[in-house]
Amino acid sequence: MENNVNPNQENILSKVLIEPIVTEAATVLIENNKYIFKISSRATKLQVKMAIEKIYNVKVEKVNTVSVPRKFRSRGRIPGWKPGYRKAIVTLKEGNKIDVFEGK
């Protein structure tokens, strides 16, 4: 599957993943071999799977996506909205691992 990736698709795959989400709940999921990433709002599950496998050299078992809605916030008397985003919960096959904290 990796050999059939054309150059246009490589550009798309580089824009699919925005950043890993590192929270307390996300670190608990790492014990179950699940990782959470903020992804592009137009990304498909197949694109997320291909991007993870290409960037981190692991095998992905399953991808679940969630659209997080925008939230109302006010700063003093000024009302506003926090933007929504989309995230992917990626389950890796047994024996595969991503080091999320390697950049620190």
PDB file of N, CA and C in Angstrom:
ATOM      1  N   MET A   1       0.829  -1.191   0.000  1.00  0.00           N
ATOM      2  CA  MET A   1       0.000   0.000   0.000  1.00  0.00           C
ATOM      3  C   MET A   1       0.874   1.255   0.000  1.00  0.00           C
ATOM      4  N   GLU A   2       2.039   1.226   0.678  1.00  0.00           N
ATOM      5  CA  GLU A   2       2.879   2.402   0.745  1.00  0.00           C
ATOM      6  C   GLU A   2       3.541   2.705  -0.599  1.00  0.00           C
ATOM      7  N   ASN A   3       3.794   1.688  -1.417  1.00  0.00           N
ATOM      8  CA  ASN A   3       4.439   1.899  -2.702  1.00  0.00           C
ATOM      9  C   ASN A   3       3.505   2.554  -3.703  1.00  0.00           C
ATOM     10  N   ASN A   4       2.199   2.466  -3.493  1.00  0.00           N
ATOM     11  CA  ASN A   4       1.229   3.011  -4.432  1.00  0.00           C
ATOM     12  C   ASN A   4       0.854   4.458  -4.126  1.00  0.00           C
ATOM     13  N   VAL A   5       1.556   5.119  -3.217  1.00  0.00           N
ATOM     14  CA  VAL A   5       1.234   6.492  -2.851  1.00  0.00           C
ATOM     15  C   VAL A   5       1.860   7.429  -3.884  1.00  0.00           C
ATOM     16  N   ASN A   6       1.026   8.219  -4.551  1.00  0.00           N
ATOM     17  CA  ASN A   6       1.556   9.158  -5.534  1.00  0.00           C
ATOM     18  C   ASN A   6       1.977  10.461  -4.852  1.00  0.00           C
ATOM     19  N   PRO A   7       2.773  11.315  -5.533  1.00  0.00           N
ATOM     20  CA  PRO A   7       3.283  12.541  -4.895  1.00  0.00           C
ATOM     21  C   PRO A   7       2.184  13.483  -4.403  1.00  0.00           C
ATOM     22  N   ASN A   8       1.066  13.577  -5.127  1.00  0.00           N
ATOM     23  CA  ASN A   8      -0.026  14.440  -4.672  1.00  0.00           C
ATOM     24  C   ASN A   8      -0.611  13.949  -3.362  1.00  0.00           C
ATOM     25  N   GLN A   9      -0.692  12.641  -3.218  1.00  0.00           N
ATOM     26  CA  GLN A   9      -1.244  12.076  -1.997  1.00  0.00           C
ATOM     27  C   GLN A   9      -0.284  12.278  -0.823  1.00  0.00           C
ATOM     28  N   GLU A  10       1.023  12.311  -1.079  1.00  0.00           N
ATOM     29  CA  GLU A  10       1.990  12.565  -0.006  1.00  0.00           C
ATOM     30  C   GLU A  10       1.807  13.966   0.560  1.00  0.00           C
ATOM     31  N   ASN A  11       1.490  14.947  -0.288  1.00  0.00           N
ATOM     32  CA  ASN A  11       1.222  16.302   0.195  1.00  0.00           C
ATOM     33  C   ASN A  11      -0.003  16.316   1.086  1.00  0.00           C
ATOM     34  N   ILE A  12      -1.019  15.552   0.719  1.00  0.00           N
ATOM     35  CA  ILE A  12      -2.246  15.479   1.510  1.00  0.00           C
ATOM     36  C   ILE A  12      -1.959  14.830   2.856  1.00  0.00           C
ATOM     37  N   LEU A  13      -1.186  13.746   2.854  1.00  0.00           N
ATOM     38  CA  LEU A  13      -0.900  13.029   4.093  1.00  0.00           C
ATOM     39  C   LEU A  13      -0.108  13.886   5.073  1.00  0.00           C
ATOM     40  N   SER A  14       0.736  14.786   4.562  1.00  0.00           N
ATOM     41  CA  SER A  14       1.508  15.634   5.469  1.00  0.00           C
ATOM     42  C   SER A  14       0.630  16.676   6.153  1.00  0.00           C
ATOM     43  N   LYS A  15      -0.543  16.975   5.599  1.00  0.00           N
ATOM     44  CA  LYS A  15      -1.440  17.973   6.183  1.00  0.00           C
ATOM     45  C   LYS A  15      -2.579  17.360   6.989  1.00  0.00           C
ATOM     46  N   VAL A  16      -2.661  16.033   7.040  1.00  0.00           N
ATOM     47  CA  VAL A  16      -3.760  15.362   7.743  1.00  0.00           C
ATOM     48  C   VAL A  16      -3.606  15.503   9.253  1.00  0.00           C
ATOM     49  N   LEU A  17      -2.429  15.190   9.775  1.00  0.00           N
ATOM     50  CA  LEU A  17      -2.181  15.255  11.213  1.00  0.00           C
ATOM     51  C   LEU A  17      -1.730  16.658  11.594  1.00  0.00           C
ATOM     52  N   ILE A  18      -2.378  17.241  12.587  1.00  0.00           N
ATOM     53  CA  ILE A  18      -1.990  18.570  13.034  1.00  0.00           C
ATOM     54  C   ILE A  18      -1.040  18.462  14.229  1.00  0.00           C
ATOM     55  N   GLU A  19      -1.456  17.728  15.277  1.00  0.00           N
ATOM     56  CA  GLU A  19      -0.605  17.554  16.456  1.00  0.00           C
ATOM     57  C   GLU A  19      -1.155  16.433  17.317  1.00  0.00           C
ATOM     58  N   PRO A  20      -0.290  15.783  18.106  1.00  0.00           N
ATOM     59  CA  PRO A  20      -0.798  14.815  19.072  1.00  0.00           C
ATOM     60  C   PRO A  20      -1.411  15.540  20.260  1.00  0.00           C
ATOM     61  N   ILE A  21      -2.440  14.957  20.839  1.00  0.00           N
ATOM     62  CA  ILE A  21      -3.080  15.532  22.017  1.00  0.00           C
ATOM     63  C   ILE A  21      -2.520  14.805  23.240  1.00  0.00           C
ATOM     64  N   VAL A  22      -1.866  15.567  24.121  1.00  0.00           N
ATOM     65  CA  VAL A  22      -1.247  14.985  25.305  1.00  0.00           C
ATOM     66  C   VAL A  22      -1.955  15.557  26.527  1.00  0.00           C
ATOM     67  N   THR A  23      -2.912  14.799  27.051  1.00  0.00           N
ATOM     68  CA  THR A  23      -3.622  15.172  28.267  1.00  0.00           C
ATOM     69  C   THR A  23      -3.532  13.998  29.231  1.00  0.00           C
ATOM     70  N   GLU A  24      -4.085  14.181  30.395  1.00  0.00           N
ATOM     71  CA  GLU A  24      -4.075  13.092  31.378  1.00  0.00           C
ATOM     72  C   GLU A  24      -4.880  11.893  30.872  1.00  0.00           C
ATOM     73  N   ALA A  25      -6.024  12.153  30.266  1.00  0.00           N
ATOM     74  CA  ALA A  25      -6.844  11.069  29.732  1.00  0.00           C
ATOM     75  C   ALA A  25      -6.147  10.380  28.553  1.00  0.00           C
ATOM     76  N   ALA A  26      -5.432  11.148  27.753  1.00  0.00           N
ATOM     77  CA  ALA A  26      -4.733  10.569  26.608  1.00  0.00           C
ATOM     78  C   ALA A  26      -3.589   9.664  27.053  1.00  0.00           C
ATOM     79  N   THR A  27      -2.897  10.043  28.133  1.00  0.00           N
ATOM     80  CA  THR A  27      -1.812   9.197  28.618  1.00  0.00           C
ATOM     81  C   THR A  27      -2.334   7.895  29.220  1.00  0.00           C
ATOM     82  N   VAL A  28      -3.543   7.905  29.756  1.00  0.00           N
ATOM     83  CA  VAL A  28      -4.150   6.669  30.253  1.00  0.00           C
ATOM     84  C   VAL A  28      -4.471   5.746  29.082  1.00  0.00           C
ATOM     85  N   LEU A  29      -4.922   6.312  27.963  1.00  0.00           N
ATOM     86  CA  LEU A  29      -5.237   5.502  26.786  1.00  0.00           C
ATOM     87  C   LEU A  29      -3.995   4.893  26.147  1.00  0.00           C
ATOM     88  N   ILE A  30      -2.822   5.501  26.360  1.00  0.00           N
ATOM     89  CA  ILE A  30      -1.593   4.954  25.786  1.00  0.00           C
ATOM     90  C   ILE A  30      -1.320   3.563  26.340  1.00  0.00           C
ATOM     91  N   GLU A  31      -1.738   3.299  27.572  1.00  0.00           N
ATOM     92  CA  GLU A  31      -1.570   1.964  28.157  1.00  0.00           C
ATOM     93  C   GLU A  31      -2.350   0.913  27.383  1.00  0.00           C
ATOM     94  N   ASN A  32      -3.462   1.315  26.741  1.00  0.00           N
ATOM     95  CA  ASN A  32      -4.275   0.405  25.920  1.00  0.00           C
ATOM     96  C   ASN A  32      -3.873   0.459  24.451  1.00  0.00           C
ATOM     97  N   ASN A  33      -2.698   1.048  24.158  1.00  0.00           N
ATOM     98  CA  ASN A  33      -2.183   1.152  22.793  1.00  0.00           C
ATOM     99  C   ASN A  33      -3.052   2.050  21.921  1.00  0.00           C
ATOM    100  N   LYS A  34      -3.650   3.097  22.509  1.00  0.00           N
ATOM    101  CA  LYS A  34      -4.460   4.057  21.770  1.00  0.00           C
ATOM    102  C   LYS A  34      -3.828   5.440  21.901  1.00  0.00           C
ATOM    103  N   TYR A  35      -3.788   6.161  20.786  1.00  0.00           N
ATOM    104  CA  TYR A  35      -3.184   7.489  20.745  1.00  0.00           C
ATOM    105  C   TYR A  35      -4.181   8.465  20.142  1.00  0.00           C
ATOM    106  N   ILE A  36      -4.155   9.724  20.622  1.00  0.00           N
ATOM    107  CA  ILE A  36      -5.105  10.734  20.163  1.00  0.00           C
ATOM    108  C   ILE A  36      -4.348  11.827  19.413  1.00  0.00           C
ATOM    109  N   PHE A  37      -4.869  12.187  18.237  1.00  0.00           N
ATOM    110  CA  PHE A  37      -4.273  13.222  17.405  1.00  0.00           C
ATOM    111  C   PHE A  37      -5.334  14.222  16.991  1.00  0.00           C
ATOM    112  N   LYS A  38      -4.963  15.501  16.921  1.00  0.00           N
ATOM    113  CA  LYS A  38      -5.820  16.511  16.309  1.00  0.00           C
ATOM    114  C   LYS A  38      -5.582  16.407  14.812  1.00  0.00           C
ATOM    115  N   ILE A  39      -6.678  16.324  14.031  1.00  0.00           N
ATOM    116  CA  ILE A  39      -6.544  16.108  12.595  1.00  0.00           C
ATOM    117  C   ILE A  39      -7.273  17.207  11.827  1.00  0.00           C
ATOM    118  N   SER A  40      -7.055  17.230  10.534  1.00  0.00           N
ATOM    119  CA  SER A  40      -7.727  18.176   9.656  1.00  0.00           C
ATOM    120  C   SER A  40      -9.221  17.869   9.625  1.00  0.00           C
ATOM    121  N   SER A  41     -10.037  18.891   9.444  1.00  0.00           N
ATOM    122  CA  SER A  41     -11.485  18.682   9.448  1.00  0.00           C
ATOM    123  C   SER A  41     -11.970  17.920   8.216  1.00  0.00           C
ATOM    124  N   ARG A  42     -11.159  17.858   7.166  1.00  0.00           N
ATOM    125  CA  ARG A  42     -11.554  17.153   5.941  1.00  0.00           C
ATOM    126  C   ARG A  42     -10.906  15.779   5.810  1.00  0.00           C
ATOM    127  N   ALA A  43     -10.116  15.360   6.781  1.00  0.00           N
ATOM    128  CA  ALA A  43      -9.384  14.099   6.702  1.00  0.00           C
ATOM    129  C   ALA A  43     -10.321  12.907   6.863  1.00  0.00           C
ATOM    130  N   THR A  44     -10.054  11.853   6.099  1.00  0.00           N
ATOM    131  CA  THR A  44     -10.814  10.611   6.218  1.00  0.00           C
ATOM    132  C   THR A  44     -10.046   9.641   7.113  1.00  0.00           C
ATOM    133  N   LYS A  45     -10.718   8.569   7.529  1.00  0.00           N
ATOM    134  CA  LYS A  45     -10.071   7.580   8.382  1.00  0.00           C
ATOM    135  C   LYS A  45      -8.915   6.905   7.643  1.00  0.00           C
ATOM    136  N   LEU A  46      -9.082   6.643   6.354  1.00  0.00           N
ATOM    137  CA  LEU A  46      -8.028   6.007   5.576  1.00  0.00           C
ATOM    138  C   LEU A  46      -6.805   6.912   5.459  1.00  0.00           C
ATOM    139  N   GLN A  47      -7.025   8.212   5.264  1.00  0.00           N
ATOM    140  CA  GLN A  47      -5.909   9.156   5.201  1.00  0.00           C
ATOM    141  C   GLN A  47      -5.177   9.237   6.534  1.00  0.00           C
ATOM    142  N   VAL A  48      -5.922   9.214   7.639  1.00  0.00           N
ATOM    143  CA  VAL A  48      -5.297   9.247   8.968  1.00  0.00           C
ATOM    144  C   VAL A  48      -4.460   7.991   9.169  1.00  0.00           C
ATOM    145  N   LYS A  49      -5.000   6.842   8.798  1.00  0.00           N
ATOM    146  CA  LYS A  49      -4.274   5.575   8.940  1.00  0.00           C
ATOM    147  C   LYS A  49      -2.989   5.595   8.126  1.00  0.00           C
ATOM    148  N   MET A  50      -3.063   6.031   6.880  1.00  0.00           N
ATOM    149  CA  MET A  50      -1.886   6.067   6.017  1.00  0.00           C
ATOM    150  C   MET A  50      -0.845   7.049   6.546  1.00  0.00           C
ATOM    151  N   ALA A  51      -1.285   8.205   7.065  1.00  0.00           N
ATOM    152  CA  ALA A  51      -0.352   9.203   7.591  1.00  0.00           C
ATOM    153  C   ALA A  51       0.367   8.690   8.835  1.00  0.00           C
ATOM    154  N   ILE A  52      -0.359   8.056   9.744  1.00  0.00           N
ATOM    155  CA  ILE A  52       0.255   7.515  10.969  1.00  0.00           C
ATOM    156  C   ILE A  52       1.267   6.433  10.610  1.00  0.00           C
ATOM    157  N   GLU A  53       0.879   5.526   9.712  1.00  0.00           N
ATOM    158  CA  GLU A  53       1.782   4.442   9.333  1.00  0.00           C
ATOM    159  C   GLU A  53       3.029   4.969   8.634  1.00  0.00           C
ATOM    160  N   LYS A  54       2.885   6.014   7.830  1.00  0.00           N
ATOM    161  CA  LYS A  54       4.032   6.549   7.101  1.00  0.00           C
ATOM    162  C   LYS A  54       4.953   7.359   8.013  1.00  0.00           C
ATOM    163  N   ILE A  55       4.394   8.191   8.872  1.00  0.00           N
ATOM    164  CA  ILE A  55       5.209   9.071   9.710  1.00  0.00           C
ATOM    165  C   ILE A  55       5.887   8.312  10.853  1.00  0.00           C
ATOM    166  N   TYR A  56       5.143   7.433  11.537  1.00  0.00           N
ATOM    167  CA  TYR A  56       5.664   6.778  12.738  1.00  0.00           C
ATOM    168  C   TYR A  56       6.141   5.341  12.505  1.00  0.00           C
ATOM    169  N   ASN A  57       5.999   4.798  11.288  1.00  0.00           N
ATOM    170  CA  ASN A  57       6.428   3.434  10.952  1.00  0.00           C
ATOM    171  C   ASN A  57       5.826   2.388  11.898  1.00  0.00           C
ATOM    172  N   VAL A  58       4.506   2.435  12.066  1.00  0.00           N
ATOM    173  CA  VAL A  58       3.775   1.475  12.890  1.00  0.00           C
ATOM    174  C   VAL A  58       2.609   0.925  12.072  1.00  0.00           C
ATOM    175  N   LYS A  59       1.965  -0.103  12.582  1.00  0.00           N
ATOM    176  CA  LYS A  59       0.784  -0.672  11.938  1.00  0.00           C
ATOM    177  C   LYS A  59      -0.457  -0.269  12.729  1.00  0.00           C
ATOM    178  N   VAL A  60      -1.425   0.313  12.042  1.00  0.00           N
ATOM    179  CA  VAL A  60      -2.652   0.793  12.666  1.00  0.00           C
ATOM    180  C   VAL A  60      -3.724  -0.284  12.545  1.00  0.00           C
ATOM    181  N   GLU A  61      -4.389  -0.566  13.665  1.00  0.00           N
ATOM    182  CA  GLU A  61      -5.472  -1.543  13.669  1.00  0.00           C
ATOM    183  C   GLU A  61      -6.814  -0.885  13.392  1.00  0.00           C
ATOM    184  N   LYS A  62      -7.067   0.281  14.044  1.00  0.00           N
ATOM    185  CA  LYS A  62      -8.376   0.915  13.937  1.00  0.00           C
ATOM    186  C   LYS A  62      -8.240   2.411  14.143  1.00  0.00           C
ATOM    187  N   VAL A  63      -9.126   3.184  13.467  1.00  0.00           N
ATOM    188  CA  VAL A  63      -9.163   4.639  13.613  1.00  0.00           C
ATOM    189  C   VAL A  63     -10.595   5.058  13.909  1.00  0.00           C
ATOM    190  N   ASN A  64     -10.793   5.786  15.002  1.00  0.00           N
ATOM    191  CA  ASN A  64     -12.087   6.377  15.329  1.00  0.00           C
ATOM    192  C   ASN A  64     -11.930   7.886  15.291  1.00  0.00           C
ATOM    193  N   THR A  65     -12.916   8.583  14.713  1.00  0.00           N
ATOM    194  CA  THR A  65     -12.845  10.040  14.637  1.00  0.00           C
ATOM    195  C   THR A  65     -13.988  10.662  15.420  1.00  0.00           C
ATOM    196  N   VAL A  66     -13.706  11.843  15.990  1.00  0.00           N
ATOM    197  CA  VAL A  66     -14.687  12.577  16.788  1.00  0.00           C
ATOM    198  C   VAL A  66     -14.610  14.044  16.390  1.00  0.00           C
ATOM    199  N   SER A  67     -15.762  14.661  16.145  1.00  0.00           N
ATOM    200  CA  SER A  67     -15.809  16.100  15.900  1.00  0.00           C
ATOM    201  C   SER A  67     -16.174  16.793  17.205  1.00  0.00           C
ATOM    202  N   VAL A  68     -15.255  17.575  17.734  1.00  0.00           N
ATOM    203  CA  VAL A  68     -15.476  18.288  18.987  1.00  0.00           C
ATOM    204  C   VAL A  68     -16.139  19.620  18.637  1.00  0.00           C
ATOM    205  N   PRO A  69     -17.330  19.900  19.162  1.00  0.00           N
ATOM    206  CA  PRO A  69     -18.033  21.132  18.781  1.00  0.00           C
ATOM    207  C   PRO A  69     -17.388  22.370  19.389  1.00  0.00           C
ATOM    208  N   ARG A  70     -17.702  23.525  18.799  1.00  0.00           N
ATOM    209  CA  ARG A  70     -17.184  24.775  19.345  1.00  0.00           C
ATOM    210  C   ARG A  70     -17.886  25.081  20.663  1.00  0.00           C
ATOM    211  N   LYS A  71     -17.229  25.873  21.524  1.00  0.00           N
ATOM    212  CA  LYS A  71     -17.771  26.160  22.848  1.00  0.00           C
ATOM    213  C   LYS A  71     -17.867  27.666  23.060  1.00  0.00           C
ATOM    214  N   PHE A  72     -18.901  28.064  23.757  1.00  0.00           N
ATOM    215  CA  PHE A  72     -19.093  29.473  24.072  1.00  0.00           C
ATOM    216  C   PHE A  72     -18.218  29.858  25.255  1.00  0.00           C
ATOM    217  N   ARG A  73     -17.502  30.950  25.119  1.00  0.00           N
ATOM    218  CA  ARG A  73     -16.675  31.482  26.201  1.00  0.00           C
ATOM    219  C   ARG A  73     -16.853  32.989  26.236  1.00  0.00           C
ATOM    220  N   SER A  74     -16.692  33.564  27.405  1.00  0.00           N
ATOM    221  CA  SER A  74     -16.727  35.025  27.505  1.00  0.00           C
ATOM    222  C   SER A  74     -15.528  35.483  28.309  1.00  0.00           C
ATOM    223  N   ARG A  75     -14.925  36.553  27.847  1.00  0.00           N
ATOM    224  CA  ARG A  75     -13.799  37.176  28.556  1.00  0.00           C
ATOM    225  C   ARG A  75     -14.321  38.491  29.100  1.00  0.00           C
ATOM    226  N   GLY A  76     -14.729  38.466  30.336  1.00  0.00           N
ATOM    227  CA  GLY A  76     -15.343  39.654  30.928  1.00  0.00           C
ATOM    228  C   GLY A  76     -16.717  39.868  30.311  1.00  0.00           C
ATOM    229  N   ARG A  77     -16.904  41.018  29.668  1.00  0.00           N
ATOM    230  CA  ARG A  77     -18.196  41.301  29.049  1.00  0.00           C
ATOM    231  C   ARG A  77     -18.203  40.957  27.558  1.00  0.00           C
ATOM    232  N   ILE A  78     -17.094  40.452  27.038  1.00  0.00           N
ATOM    233  CA  ILE A  78     -16.989  40.182  25.604  1.00  0.00           C
ATOM    234  C   ILE A  78     -17.299  38.711  25.339  1.00  0.00           C
ATOM    235  N   PRO A  79     -18.421  38.434  24.676  1.00  0.00           N
ATOM    236  CA  PRO A  79     -18.743  37.038  24.361  1.00  0.00           C
ATOM    237  C   PRO A  79     -17.960  36.564  23.139  1.00  0.00           C
ATOM    238  N   GLY A  80     -17.739  35.268  23.069  1.00  0.00           N
ATOM    239  CA  GLY A  80     -17.023  34.711  21.927  1.00  0.00           C
ATOM    240  C   GLY A  80     -17.136  33.201  21.898  1.00  0.00           C
ATOM    241  N   TRP A  81     -16.479  32.598  20.941  1.00  0.00           N
ATOM    242  CA  TRP A  81     -16.520  31.156  20.751  1.00  0.00           C
ATOM    243  C   TRP A  81     -15.109  30.599  20.632  1.00  0.00           C
ATOM    244  N   LYS A  82     -14.868  29.458  21.274  1.00  0.00           N
ATOM    245  CA  LYS A  82     -13.645  28.690  21.038  1.00  0.00           C
ATOM    246  C   LYS A  82     -13.918  27.815  19.827  1.00  0.00           C
ATOM    247  N   PRO A  83     -13.000  27.731  18.895  1.00  0.00           N
ATOM    248  CA  PRO A  83     -13.273  26.950  17.689  1.00  0.00           C
ATOM    249  C   PRO A  83     -13.339  25.457  17.985  1.00  0.00           C
ATOM    250  N   GLY A  84     -14.149  24.762  17.234  1.00  0.00           N
ATOM    251  CA  GLY A  84     -14.204  23.314  17.329  1.00  0.00           C
ATOM    252  C   GLY A  84     -13.066  22.703  16.537  1.00  0.00           C
ATOM    253  N   TYR A  85     -12.851  21.421  16.727  1.00  0.00           N
ATOM    254  CA  TYR A  85     -11.801  20.722  15.989  1.00  0.00           C
ATOM    255  C   TYR A  85     -12.195  19.263  15.845  1.00  0.00           C
ATOM    256  N   ARG A  86     -11.364  18.512  15.141  1.00  0.00           N
ATOM    257  CA  ARG A  86     -11.634  17.100  14.911  1.00  0.00           C
ATOM    258  C   ARG A  86     -10.443  16.310  15.435  1.00  0.00           C
ATOM    259  N   LYS A  87     -10.722  15.205  16.094  1.00  0.00           N
ATOM    260  CA  LYS A  87      -9.636  14.387  16.612  1.00  0.00           C
ATOM    261  C   LYS A  87      -9.831  12.938  16.217  1.00  0.00           C
ATOM    262  N   ALA A  88      -8.731  12.201  16.205  1.00  0.00           N
ATOM    263  CA  ALA A  88      -8.741  10.787  15.853  1.00  0.00           C
ATOM    264  C   ALA A  88      -8.141   9.994  16.999  1.00  0.00           C
ATOM    265  N   ILE A  89      -8.807   8.906  17.353  1.00  0.00           N
ATOM    266  CA  ILE A  89      -8.286   7.971  18.340  1.00  0.00           C
ATOM    267  C   ILE A  89      -7.784   6.767  17.556  1.00  0.00           C
ATOM    268  N   VAL A  90      -6.468   6.576  17.559  1.00  0.00           N
ATOM    269  CA  VAL A  90      -5.822   5.566  16.729  1.00  0.00           C
ATOM    270  C   VAL A  90      -5.409   4.394  17.610  1.00  0.00           C
ATOM    271  N   THR A  91      -5.871   3.183  17.260  1.00  0.00           N
ATOM    272  CA  THR A  91      -5.481   1.969  17.964  1.00  0.00           C
ATOM    273  C   THR A  91      -4.413   1.266  17.141  1.00  0.00           C
ATOM    274  N   LEU A  92      -3.262   1.003  17.765  1.00  0.00           N
ATOM    275  CA  LEU A  92      -2.166   0.328  17.077  1.00  0.00           C
ATOM    276  C   LEU A  92      -2.223  -1.169  17.330  1.00  0.00           C
ATOM    277  N   LYS A  93      -1.624  -1.933  16.416  1.00  0.00           N
ATOM    278  CA  LYS A  93      -1.541  -3.381  16.591  1.00  0.00           C
ATOM    279  C   LYS A  93      -0.550  -3.698  17.703  1.00  0.00           C
ATOM    280  N   GLU A  94      -0.676  -4.892  18.277  1.00  0.00           N
ATOM    281  CA  GLU A  94       0.183  -5.314  19.384  1.00  0.00           C
ATOM    282  C   GLU A  94       1.644  -5.247  18.971  1.00  0.00           C
ATOM    283  N   GLY A  95       2.479  -4.748  19.884  1.00  0.00           N
ATOM    284  CA  GLY A  95       3.907  -4.654  19.623  1.00  0.00           C
ATOM    285  C   GLY A  95       4.336  -3.335  19.018  1.00  0.00           C
ATOM    286  N   ASN A  96       3.417  -2.524  18.540  1.00  0.00           N
ATOM    287  CA  ASN A  96       3.747  -1.217  17.979  1.00  0.00           C
ATOM    288  C   ASN A  96       3.582  -0.147  19.045  1.00  0.00           C
ATOM    289  N   LYS A  97       4.403   0.920  18.944  1.00  0.00           N
ATOM    290  CA  LYS A  97       4.391   1.961  19.955  1.00  0.00           C
ATOM    291  C   LYS A  97       4.838   3.266  19.328  1.00  0.00           C
ATOM    292  N   ILE A  98       4.242   4.384  19.759  1.00  0.00           N
ATOM    293  CA  ILE A  98       4.639   5.719  19.338  1.00  0.00           C
ATOM    294  C   ILE A  98       5.160   6.444  20.568  1.00  0.00           C
ATOM    295  N   ASP A  99       6.334   7.045  20.445  1.00  0.00           N
ATOM    296  CA  ASP A  99       6.873   7.826  21.557  1.00  0.00           C
ATOM    297  C   ASP A  99       6.405   9.262  21.395  1.00  0.00           C
ATOM    298  N   VAL A 100       5.327   9.635  22.082  1.00  0.00           N
ATOM    299  CA  VAL A 100       4.718  10.954  21.964  1.00  0.00           C
ATOM    300  C   VAL A 100       5.591  12.019  22.614  1.00  0.00           C
ATOM    301  N   PHE A 101       6.351  11.650  23.632  1.00  0.00           N
ATOM    302  CA  PHE A 101       7.127  12.619  24.412  1.00  0.00           C
ATOM    303  C   PHE A 101       8.553  12.785  23.902  1.00  0.00           C
ATOM    304  N   GLU A 102       8.889  12.263  22.718  1.00  0.00           N
ATOM    305  CA  GLU A 102      10.266  12.289  22.242  1.00  0.00           C
ATOM    306  C   GLU A 102      10.778  13.700  21.929  1.00  0.00           C
ATOM    307  N   GLY A 103       9.878  14.639  21.634  1.00  0.00           N
ATOM    308  CA  GLY A 103      10.307  15.985  21.292  1.00  0.00           C
ATOM    309  C   GLY A 103      10.657  16.845  22.497  1.00  0.00           C
ATOM    310  N   LYS A 104      10.452  16.358  23.699  1.00  0.00           N
ATOM    311  CA  LYS A 104      10.692  17.157  24.905  1.00  0.00           C
ATOM    312  C   LYS A 104      11.895  16.686  25.661  1.00  0.00           C
TER     313      LYS A 104
END
